[in-house]
Amino acid sequence: MKTKLAAAAISMCMALGTVAPAFADSEAGLDHAVDGSLIVTRVFGMGAGLVLGTPVAVARETTKSYIDLTSGAADKVGGHDFMPSCILASFFSIPAAIVVGAGKGVYAGTKNGINGFNTPFAQDSFSMGSLNEE
């Protein structure tokens, strides 16, 4: 019985000894210990943001690019309020919006997903927040 108690006490001291250097500083040590314990959550949050947030960003950027390109091209043809000019402009703006939106969406989704390391599973890491204007 004494050996089990001694083994438990030694194990407890060893476990506390591994995080003891983190508590050497007054406040920063606790922050380092908490950050170290959250590494798994942060990595999975970043991975989920990359996997799920990138397609969301591509869809949002493609839609935004389509609206911007169609209204800009329709203004040059006959005005964006005139339906036939919007239909004519759509023949050219749909393929362009797919290419531009996919490029911008992959960039924005990857950037938001990687930023999800600092705020795991947040709305912005899944590209659900406001679109970044750059």
N, C-alpha and C. Protein backbone atom coordinates (compact mmCIF):
# COMPACT_ATOMS: atom_id res chain seq x y z
N MET A 1 0.81 -1.19 0.00
CA MET A 1 0.00 0.00 0.00
C MET A 1 0.86 1.25 0.00
N LYS A 2 1.97 1.18 0.79
CA LYS A 2 2.86 2.34 0.86
C LYS A 2 3.52 2.59 -0.49
N THR A 3 3.82 1.54 -1.23
CA THR A 3 4.47 1.72 -2.53
C THR A 3 3.52 2.37 -3.53
N LYS A 4 2.24 2.03 -3.45
CA LYS A 4 1.27 2.66 -4.36
C LYS A 4 1.10 4.13 -4.03
N LEU A 5 1.07 4.45 -2.75
CA LEU A 5 0.94 5.84 -2.32
C LEU A 5 2.19 6.63 -2.70
N ALA A 6 3.35 6.03 -2.53
CA ALA A 6 4.60 6.69 -2.90
C ALA A 6 4.68 6.88 -4.41
N ALA A 7 4.25 5.89 -5.16
CA ALA A 7 4.26 6.00 -6.62
C ALA A 7 3.30 7.09 -7.08
N ALA A 8 2.15 7.19 -6.44
CA ALA A 8 1.19 8.24 -6.79
C ALA A 8 1.75 9.62 -6.46
N ALA A 9 2.42 9.74 -5.34
CA ALA A 9 2.99 11.03 -4.95
C ALA A 9 4.12 11.43 -5.90
N ILE A 10 4.96 10.47 -6.27
CA ILE A 10 6.05 10.77 -7.21
C ILE A 10 5.48 11.14 -8.58
N SER A 11 4.45 10.45 -9.02
CA SER A 11 3.82 10.76 -10.30
C SER A 11 3.22 12.16 -10.28
N MET A 12 2.59 12.54 -9.16
CA MET A 12 2.01 13.87 -9.04
C MET A 12 3.09 14.94 -9.08
N CYS A 13 4.19 14.70 -8.40
CA CYS A 13 5.30 15.67 -8.41
C CYS A 13 5.90 15.81 -9.81
N MET A 14 6.01 14.70 -10.50
CA MET A 14 6.55 14.76 -11.86
C MET A 14 5.60 15.50 -12.80
N ALA A 15 4.31 15.26 -12.64
CA ALA A 15 3.34 15.95 -13.48
C ALA A 15 3.34 17.45 -13.22
N LEU A 16 3.42 17.84 -11.96
CA LEU A 16 3.48 19.26 -11.63
C LEU A 16 4.81 19.86 -12.03
N GLY A 17 5.85 19.06 -12.00
CA GLY A 17 7.17 19.56 -12.37
C GLY A 17 7.29 19.91 -13.84
N THR A 18 6.47 19.28 -14.67
CA THR A 18 6.55 19.60 -16.10
C THR A 18 5.97 20.96 -16.43
N VAL A 19 4.98 21.42 -15.64
CA VAL A 19 4.39 22.74 -15.91
C VAL A 19 4.88 23.80 -14.94
N ALA A 20 5.71 23.43 -13.98
CA ALA A 20 6.20 24.39 -13.00
C ALA A 20 6.96 25.55 -13.63
N PRO A 21 7.80 25.35 -14.66
CA PRO A 21 8.47 26.51 -15.25
C PRO A 21 7.51 27.52 -15.86
N ALA A 22 6.34 27.07 -16.24
CA ALA A 22 5.37 28.01 -16.81
C ALA A 22 4.82 28.96 -15.76
N PHE A 23 4.85 28.56 -14.50
CA PHE A 23 4.34 29.40 -13.43
C PHE A 23 5.41 30.30 -12.83
N ALA A 24 6.60 30.33 -13.38
CA ALA A 24 7.69 31.13 -12.83
C ALA A 24 7.39 32.62 -12.96
N ASP A 25 6.80 33.03 -14.06
CA ASP A 25 6.41 34.42 -14.24
C ASP A 25 5.04 34.61 -13.61
N SER A 26 4.72 35.84 -13.23
CA SER A 26 3.48 36.05 -12.48
C SER A 26 2.23 35.73 -13.30
N GLU A 27 1.98 36.45 -14.39
CA GLU A 27 0.77 36.20 -15.16
C GLU A 27 1.03 35.47 -16.46
N ALA A 28 2.14 35.72 -17.07
CA ALA A 28 2.43 35.13 -18.38
C ALA A 28 2.57 33.62 -18.29
N GLY A 29 3.01 33.11 -17.15
CA GLY A 29 3.18 31.67 -17.00
C GLY A 29 1.87 30.93 -17.11
N LEU A 30 0.85 31.47 -16.49
CA LEU A 30 -0.46 30.84 -16.56
C LEU A 30 -1.00 30.89 -17.99
N ASP A 31 -0.77 32.00 -18.68
CA ASP A 31 -1.20 32.10 -20.07
C ASP A 31 -0.50 31.07 -20.95
N HIS A 32 0.79 30.86 -20.72
CA HIS A 32 1.53 29.85 -21.49
C HIS A 32 1.01 28.45 -21.20
N ALA A 33 0.69 28.19 -19.95
CA ALA A 33 0.17 26.86 -19.62
C ALA A 33 -1.20 26.63 -20.25
N VAL A 34 -2.04 27.65 -20.24
CA VAL A 34 -3.36 27.53 -20.86
C VAL A 34 -3.24 27.39 -22.37
N ASP A 35 -2.35 28.18 -22.99
CA ASP A 35 -2.14 28.08 -24.43
C ASP A 35 -1.62 26.70 -24.81
N GLY A 36 -0.75 26.16 -24.00
CA GLY A 36 -0.23 24.82 -24.27
C GLY A 36 -1.30 23.75 -24.17
N SER A 37 -2.22 23.93 -23.25
CA SER A 37 -3.28 22.92 -23.10
C SER A 37 -4.35 23.06 -24.19
N LEU A 38 -4.44 24.23 -24.80
CA LEU A 38 -5.45 24.45 -25.85
C LEU A 38 -4.92 24.17 -27.25
N ILE A 39 -3.72 23.64 -27.38
CA ILE A 39 -3.13 23.46 -28.71
C ILE A 39 -3.95 22.50 -29.57
N VAL A 40 -4.50 21.47 -28.97
CA VAL A 40 -5.30 20.50 -29.75
C VAL A 40 -6.56 21.17 -30.26
N THR A 41 -7.22 21.95 -29.42
CA THR A 41 -8.43 22.66 -29.84
C THR A 41 -8.11 23.66 -30.94
N ARG A 42 -7.00 24.35 -30.80
CA ARG A 42 -6.63 25.35 -31.79
C ARG A 42 -6.30 24.71 -33.14
N VAL A 43 -5.60 23.60 -33.13
CA VAL A 43 -5.24 22.93 -34.38
C VAL A 43 -6.49 22.39 -35.08
N PHE A 44 -7.39 21.76 -34.32
CA PHE A 44 -8.62 21.26 -34.94
C PHE A 44 -9.53 22.41 -35.39
N GLY A 45 -9.53 23.51 -34.66
CA GLY A 45 -10.31 24.68 -35.07
C GLY A 45 -9.78 25.27 -36.37
N MET A 46 -8.46 25.31 -36.50
CA MET A 46 -7.87 25.80 -37.74
C MET A 46 -8.17 24.85 -38.90
N GLY A 47 -8.07 23.56 -38.66
CA GLY A 47 -8.37 22.58 -39.71
C GLY A 47 -9.82 22.64 -40.16
N ALA A 48 -10.72 22.76 -39.20
CA ALA A 48 -12.14 22.87 -39.55
C ALA A 48 -12.42 24.16 -40.30
N GLY A 49 -11.75 25.24 -39.91
CA GLY A 49 -11.92 26.50 -40.62
C GLY A 49 -11.42 26.42 -42.06
N LEU A 50 -10.31 25.71 -42.26
CA LEU A 50 -9.79 25.55 -43.62
C LEU A 50 -10.70 24.66 -44.47
N VAL A 51 -11.16 23.56 -43.89
CA VAL A 51 -11.95 22.59 -44.67
C VAL A 51 -13.36 23.11 -44.95
N LEU A 52 -13.98 23.71 -43.95
CA LEU A 52 -15.36 24.15 -44.12
C LEU A 52 -15.48 25.61 -44.54
N GLY A 53 -14.53 26.43 -44.16
CA GLY A 53 -14.63 27.87 -44.46
C GLY A 53 -14.21 28.24 -45.86
N THR A 54 -13.32 27.47 -46.47
CA THR A 54 -12.87 27.81 -47.82
C THR A 54 -13.99 27.68 -48.86
N PRO A 55 -14.77 26.61 -48.88
CA PRO A 55 -15.88 26.57 -49.85
C PRO A 55 -16.93 27.66 -49.60
N VAL A 56 -17.14 28.02 -48.34
CA VAL A 56 -18.07 29.11 -48.04
C VAL A 56 -17.54 30.42 -48.60
N ALA A 57 -16.25 30.66 -48.43
CA ALA A 57 -15.65 31.89 -48.95
C ALA A 57 -15.67 31.92 -50.47
N VAL A 58 -15.45 30.76 -51.11
CA VAL A 58 -15.50 30.71 -52.58
C VAL A 58 -16.91 31.05 -53.06
N ALA A 59 -17.92 30.49 -52.43
CA ALA A 59 -19.30 30.77 -52.84
C ALA A 59 -19.65 32.24 -52.61
N ARG A 60 -19.24 32.80 -51.50
CA ARG A 60 -19.55 34.20 -51.21
C ARG A 60 -18.80 35.15 -52.15
N GLU A 61 -17.54 34.86 -52.40
CA GLU A 61 -16.77 35.73 -53.30
C GLU A 61 -17.25 35.61 -54.75
N THR A 62 -17.67 34.41 -55.17
CA THR A 62 -18.17 34.24 -56.53
C THR A 62 -19.46 35.04 -56.71
N THR A 63 -20.34 34.98 -55.74
CA THR A 63 -21.59 35.74 -55.81
C THR A 63 -21.32 37.23 -55.83
N LYS A 64 -20.42 37.68 -54.96
CA LYS A 64 -20.08 39.11 -54.91
C LYS A 64 -19.44 39.56 -56.22
N SER A 65 -18.56 38.74 -56.77
CA SER A 65 -17.90 39.08 -58.03
C SER A 65 -18.91 39.12 -59.17
N TYR A 66 -19.87 38.20 -59.18
CA TYR A 66 -20.89 38.19 -60.22
C TYR A 66 -21.72 39.46 -60.19
N ILE A 67 -22.13 39.88 -59.00
CA ILE A 67 -22.94 41.09 -58.87
C ILE A 67 -22.14 42.31 -59.32
N ASP A 68 -20.90 42.41 -58.87
CA ASP A 68 -20.07 43.56 -59.23
C ASP A 68 -19.77 43.60 -60.73
N LEU A 69 -19.39 42.46 -61.30
CA LEU A 69 -19.03 42.43 -62.72
C LEU A 69 -20.25 42.64 -63.61
N THR A 70 -21.39 42.08 -63.24
CA THR A 70 -22.59 42.24 -64.05
C THR A 70 -23.08 43.67 -64.05
N SER A 71 -23.12 44.29 -62.88
CA SER A 71 -23.59 45.68 -62.84
C SER A 71 -22.62 46.62 -63.54
N GLY A 72 -21.32 46.34 -63.42
CA GLY A 72 -20.34 47.18 -64.11
C GLY A 72 -20.42 47.04 -65.62
N ALA A 73 -20.57 45.80 -66.11
CA ALA A 73 -20.67 45.59 -67.55
C ALA A 73 -22.01 46.07 -68.09
N ALA A 74 -23.08 45.91 -67.32
CA ALA A 74 -24.40 46.35 -67.78
C ALA A 74 -24.48 47.87 -67.86
N ASP A 75 -23.75 48.56 -66.99
CA ASP A 75 -23.73 50.03 -67.07
C ASP A 75 -23.11 50.50 -68.38
N LYS A 76 -22.17 49.76 -68.92
CA LYS A 76 -21.52 50.15 -70.17
C LYS A 76 -22.40 49.83 -71.38
N VAL A 77 -23.32 48.86 -71.22
CA VAL A 77 -24.17 48.46 -72.35
C VAL A 77 -25.45 49.27 -72.39
N GLY A 78 -26.13 49.43 -71.27
CA GLY A 78 -27.39 50.16 -71.30
C GLY A 78 -27.91 50.48 -69.93
N GLY A 79 -27.15 50.23 -68.90
CA GLY A 79 -27.59 50.52 -67.54
C GLY A 79 -27.94 49.26 -66.79
N HIS A 80 -27.58 49.21 -65.51
CA HIS A 80 -27.83 48.00 -64.73
C HIS A 80 -29.29 47.85 -64.31
N ASP A 81 -30.12 48.88 -64.57
CA ASP A 81 -31.55 48.78 -64.29
C ASP A 81 -32.32 48.20 -65.47
N PHE A 82 -31.70 48.10 -66.63
CA PHE A 82 -32.34 47.61 -67.85
C PHE A 82 -32.05 46.12 -67.97
N MET A 83 -33.09 45.28 -67.89
CA MET A 83 -32.93 43.83 -67.82
C MET A 83 -32.19 43.23 -69.02
N PRO A 84 -32.49 43.62 -70.27
CA PRO A 84 -31.75 43.02 -71.39
C PRO A 84 -30.24 43.29 -71.34
N SER A 85 -29.83 44.44 -70.84
CA SER A 85 -28.40 44.70 -70.74
C SER A 85 -27.76 43.85 -69.64
N CYS A 86 -28.51 43.56 -68.58
CA CYS A 86 -28.00 42.67 -67.52
C CYS A 86 -27.85 41.24 -68.04
N ILE A 87 -28.82 40.80 -68.86
CA ILE A 87 -28.74 39.45 -69.43
C ILE A 87 -27.56 39.36 -70.39
N LEU A 88 -27.37 40.38 -71.21
CA LEU A 88 -26.24 40.40 -72.14
C LEU A 88 -24.90 40.41 -71.38
N ALA A 89 -24.84 41.20 -70.33
CA ALA A 89 -23.60 41.28 -69.53
C ALA A 89 -23.34 39.97 -68.79
N SER A 90 -24.38 39.22 -68.46
CA SER A 90 -24.22 37.96 -67.73
C SER A 90 -23.49 36.90 -68.53
N PHE A 91 -23.62 36.96 -69.86
CA PHE A 91 -22.91 35.98 -70.68
C PHE A 91 -21.40 36.07 -70.49
N PHE A 92 -20.92 37.24 -70.19
CA PHE A 92 -19.48 37.43 -70.00
C PHE A 92 -19.09 37.47 -68.52
N SER A 93 -20.00 37.93 -67.69
CA SER A 93 -19.64 38.10 -66.28
C SER A 93 -19.72 36.79 -65.49
N ILE A 94 -20.54 35.83 -65.92
CA ILE A 94 -20.63 34.57 -65.17
C ILE A 94 -19.31 33.81 -65.21
N PRO A 95 -18.71 33.56 -66.39
CA PRO A 95 -17.41 32.86 -66.35
C PRO A 95 -16.32 33.65 -65.63
N ALA A 96 -16.34 34.98 -65.82
CA ALA A 96 -15.33 35.80 -65.15
C ALA A 96 -15.53 35.76 -63.63
N ALA A 97 -16.77 35.78 -63.19
CA ALA A 97 -17.05 35.76 -61.75
C ALA A 97 -16.64 34.42 -61.13
N ILE A 98 -16.78 33.33 -61.89
CA ILE A 98 -16.37 32.03 -61.37
C ILE A 98 -14.86 32.00 -61.16
N VAL A 99 -14.13 32.52 -62.12
CA VAL A 99 -12.66 32.50 -62.00
C VAL A 99 -12.19 33.46 -60.91
N VAL A 100 -12.71 34.69 -60.94
CA VAL A 100 -12.28 35.69 -59.95
C VAL A 100 -12.74 35.29 -58.56
N GLY A 101 -13.99 34.85 -58.43
CA GLY A 101 -14.51 34.46 -57.12
C GLY A 101 -13.80 33.26 -56.54
N ALA A 102 -13.44 32.30 -57.39
CA ALA A 102 -12.72 31.13 -56.89
C ALA A 102 -11.34 31.54 -56.38
N GLY A 103 -10.65 32.39 -57.10
CA GLY A 103 -9.33 32.83 -56.66
C GLY A 103 -9.39 33.61 -55.37
N LYS A 104 -10.29 34.60 -55.32
CA LYS A 104 -10.42 35.40 -54.10
C LYS A 104 -10.94 34.56 -52.93
N GLY A 105 -11.85 33.63 -53.22
CA GLY A 105 -12.42 32.81 -52.16
C GLY A 105 -11.42 31.85 -51.55
N VAL A 106 -10.58 31.26 -52.38
CA VAL A 106 -9.55 30.36 -51.85
C VAL A 106 -8.57 31.15 -50.97
N TYR A 107 -8.21 32.34 -51.43
CA TYR A 107 -7.30 33.17 -50.64
C TYR A 107 -7.95 33.57 -49.31
N ALA A 108 -9.18 34.09 -49.37
CA ALA A 108 -9.85 34.56 -48.15
C ALA A 108 -10.17 33.40 -47.22
N GLY A 109 -10.61 32.26 -47.76
CA GLY A 109 -10.93 31.12 -46.92
C GLY A 109 -9.72 30.54 -46.22
N THR A 110 -8.60 30.49 -46.94
CA THR A 110 -7.37 29.99 -46.34
C THR A 110 -6.88 30.94 -45.26
N LYS A 111 -6.94 32.23 -45.54
CA LYS A 111 -6.51 33.22 -44.55
C LYS A 111 -7.40 33.18 -43.30
N ASN A 112 -8.70 33.09 -43.50
CA ASN A 112 -9.61 33.03 -42.35
C ASN A 112 -9.43 31.72 -41.58
N GLY A 113 -9.21 30.62 -42.28
CA GLY A 113 -9.00 29.34 -41.61
C GLY A 113 -7.74 29.32 -40.77
N ILE A 114 -6.68 29.89 -41.29
CA ILE A 114 -5.43 29.95 -40.53
C ILE A 114 -5.57 30.89 -39.34
N ASN A 115 -6.31 31.98 -39.51
CA ASN A 115 -6.57 32.86 -38.38
C ASN A 115 -7.44 32.18 -37.32
N GLY A 116 -8.09 31.08 -37.69
CA GLY A 116 -8.87 30.31 -36.73
C GLY A 116 -8.02 29.63 -35.68
N PHE A 117 -6.70 29.64 -35.84
CA PHE A 117 -5.83 29.10 -34.79
C PHE A 117 -5.94 29.95 -33.53
N ASN A 118 -6.04 31.27 -33.69
CA ASN A 118 -6.14 32.17 -32.53
C ASN A 118 -7.53 32.16 -31.93
N THR A 119 -8.56 32.02 -32.76
CA THR A 119 -9.94 31.97 -32.28
C THR A 119 -10.60 30.73 -32.87
N PRO A 120 -10.37 29.56 -32.27
CA PRO A 120 -10.88 28.32 -32.87
C PRO A 120 -12.41 28.28 -32.86
N PHE A 121 -12.95 27.77 -33.95
CA PHE A 121 -14.38 27.56 -34.14
C PHE A 121 -15.18 28.85 -34.05
N ALA A 122 -14.58 29.97 -34.40
CA ALA A 122 -15.29 31.24 -34.41
C ALA A 122 -15.98 31.44 -35.75
N GLN A 123 -16.90 32.38 -35.79
CA GLN A 123 -17.66 32.64 -37.00
C GLN A 123 -16.76 33.11 -38.14
N ASP A 124 -15.79 33.95 -37.82
CA ASP A 124 -14.89 34.46 -38.87
C ASP A 124 -13.96 33.39 -39.42
N SER A 125 -13.62 32.39 -38.63
CA SER A 125 -12.73 31.35 -39.15
C SER A 125 -13.42 30.45 -40.16
N PHE A 126 -14.75 30.44 -40.14
CA PHE A 126 -15.53 29.69 -41.13
C PHE A 126 -16.01 30.58 -42.27
N SER A 127 -15.44 31.78 -42.40
CA SER A 127 -15.77 32.75 -43.45
C SER A 127 -17.24 33.14 -43.41
N MET A 128 -17.83 33.18 -42.24
CA MET A 128 -19.23 33.57 -42.10
C MET A 128 -19.38 35.02 -41.68
N GLY A 129 -18.30 35.68 -41.36
CA GLY A 129 -18.35 37.08 -40.96
C GLY A 129 -18.40 37.98 -42.19
N SER A 130 -18.03 39.22 -42.03
CA SER A 130 -18.05 40.15 -43.15
C SER A 130 -16.91 39.81 -44.11
N LEU A 131 -17.16 40.02 -45.40
CA LEU A 131 -16.11 39.79 -46.40
C LEU A 131 -15.06 40.88 -46.25
N ASN A 132 -13.80 40.47 -46.26
CA ASN A 132 -12.71 41.43 -46.12
C ASN A 132 -12.53 42.19 -47.42
N GLU A 133 -12.49 43.49 -47.31
CA GLU A 133 -12.26 44.33 -48.49
C GLU A 133 -10.79 44.70 -48.51
N GLU A 134 -10.09 44.29 -49.56
CA GLU A 134 -8.67 44.60 -49.67
C GLU A 134 -8.39 45.30 -50.96
